[in-house]
């Protein structure tokens, strides 16, 4: 359901997977050196929502549209603990976003 980009900690999978079965981190897929294009294609093929801190995915989304959907984490440098708490506090927002086929982009601050 969710594809967590390499610029986010693997620990986020532990928080998100119970709510979003099928969530994977690019490290688990051995795709941490893959290009943004490869990750984009993978997300489209597997119907995954990309979670990233990388603005390149947002640029691609504005040019190409969706799918895939995108969750852009806009926190700047943040500790793993901060990110874990940020995602815990936004579970219901993410669930609403994922379920709505008309939404393509969610920004988390």
Protein backbone atom coordinates (compact mmCIF):
# COMPACT_ATOMS: atom_id res chain seq x y z
CA UNK A 1 0.00 0.00 0.00
CA UNK A 2 2.82 2.48 0.90
CA UNK A 3 6.34 2.71 -0.51
CA UNK A 4 8.71 4.44 1.91
CA UNK A 5 11.61 6.15 0.18
CA UNK A 6 15.24 5.68 1.23
CA UNK A 7 15.44 9.16 2.75
CA UNK A 8 13.08 8.06 5.54
CA UNK A 9 13.90 5.58 8.32
CA UNK A 10 13.03 1.92 7.99
CA UNK A 11 11.39 2.21 11.43
CA UNK A 12 8.43 3.99 9.82
CA UNK A 13 7.36 0.71 8.29
CA UNK A 14 6.77 -0.70 11.79
CA UNK A 15 4.43 2.20 12.54
CA UNK A 16 2.55 2.21 9.23
CA UNK A 17 2.29 -1.49 8.28
CA UNK A 18 -0.41 -2.38 10.83
CA UNK A 19 -2.66 0.31 9.32
CA UNK A 20 -1.52 -0.13 5.71
CA UNK A 21 -0.81 -3.80 4.96
CA UNK A 22 1.67 -4.27 2.16
CA UNK A 23 3.77 -1.27 3.17
CA UNK A 24 7.42 -1.63 2.11
CA UNK A 25 10.62 0.35 2.44
CA UNK A 26 12.90 0.65 -0.59
CA UNK A 27 15.73 -0.96 1.44
CA UNK A 28 13.67 -4.13 1.83
CA UNK A 29 13.27 -4.21 -1.94
CA UNK A 30 17.00 -3.58 -2.46
CA UNK A 31 16.01 -0.50 -4.46
CA UNK A 32 17.84 2.11 -2.40
CA UNK A 33 20.06 2.95 -5.38
CA UNK A 34 17.19 2.98 -7.87
CA UNK A 35 16.35 6.13 -9.78
CA UNK A 36 13.26 8.17 -9.01
CA UNK A 37 11.88 6.96 -12.35
CA UNK A 38 12.33 3.33 -11.32
CA UNK A 39 10.64 3.93 -7.97
CA UNK A 40 7.81 5.82 -9.66
CA UNK A 41 7.23 2.94 -12.11
CA UNK A 42 7.35 0.38 -9.31
CA UNK A 43 4.78 2.35 -7.31
CA UNK A 44 2.49 2.57 -10.34
CA UNK A 45 2.80 -1.16 -11.11
CA UNK A 46 2.19 -2.21 -7.50
CA UNK A 47 -0.42 0.52 -6.80
CA UNK A 48 1.63 1.98 -3.96
CA UNK A 49 1.60 5.46 -2.45
CA UNK A 50 5.10 6.96 -2.30
CA UNK A 51 6.22 8.53 0.98
CA UNK A 52 9.29 10.73 0.57
CA UNK A 53 11.17 13.83 1.64
CA UNK A 54 12.39 14.27 -1.95
CA UNK A 55 10.95 17.26 -3.81
CA UNK A 56 11.72 15.55 -7.14
CA UNK A 57 8.72 13.28 -6.66
CA UNK A 58 6.47 16.29 -6.15
CA UNK A 59 7.85 17.85 -9.34
CA UNK A 60 7.17 14.63 -11.22
CA UNK A 61 3.64 14.45 -9.82
CA UNK A 62 2.84 18.00 -10.96
CA UNK A 63 4.10 17.16 -14.47
CA UNK A 64 2.68 13.66 -14.91
CA UNK A 65 -0.24 13.51 -12.50
CA UNK A 66 -1.14 10.39 -10.59
CA UNK A 67 -0.93 7.48 -10.07
CA UNK A 68 1.02 7.06 -7.95
CA UNK A 69 -0.15 9.17 -5.08
CA UNK A 70 2.45 11.01 -3.05
CA UNK A 71 2.94 11.81 0.62
CA UNK A 72 5.62 14.48 0.90
CA UNK A 73 7.23 14.84 4.33
CA UNK A 74 8.28 18.49 4.69
CA UNK A 75 10.00 18.47 8.06
CA UNK A 76 13.58 19.17 7.03
CA UNK A 77 16.14 17.30 9.09
CA UNK A 78 14.32 15.45 11.84
CA UNK A 79 15.10 12.60 14.20
CA UNK A 80 13.62 9.16 13.71
CA UNK A 81 11.68 9.62 16.95
CA UNK A 82 10.16 12.87 15.66
CA UNK A 83 9.17 11.22 12.36
CA UNK A 84 7.66 8.21 14.12
CA UNK A 85 5.52 10.50 16.28
CA UNK A 86 4.59 12.63 13.28
CA UNK A 87 3.28 9.61 11.41
CA UNK A 88 1.51 8.19 14.46
CA UNK A 89 -0.36 11.45 14.88
CA UNK A 90 -1.34 11.51 11.19
CA UNK A 91 -2.58 7.93 10.70
CA UNK A 92 -6.22 8.92 10.20
CA UNK A 93 -5.26 11.72 7.79
CA UNK A 94 -3.17 9.29 5.77
CA UNK A 95 -5.98 6.71 5.76
CA UNK A 96 -8.43 9.30 4.44
CA UNK A 97 -5.95 10.39 1.78
CA UNK A 98 -5.19 6.84 0.63
CA UNK A 99 -8.88 5.94 0.35
CA UNK A 100 -9.87 9.00 -1.69
CA UNK A 101 -9.22 8.35 -5.41
CA UNK A 102 -9.50 12.07 -6.22
CA UNK A 103 -6.54 13.07 -4.05
CA UNK A 104 -3.02 12.80 -5.43
CA UNK A 105 -0.87 14.61 -2.88
CA UNK A 106 -0.60 14.93 0.88
CA UNK A 107 1.93 17.13 2.62
CA UNK A 108 2.96 16.28 6.17
CA UNK A 109 4.71 18.94 8.24
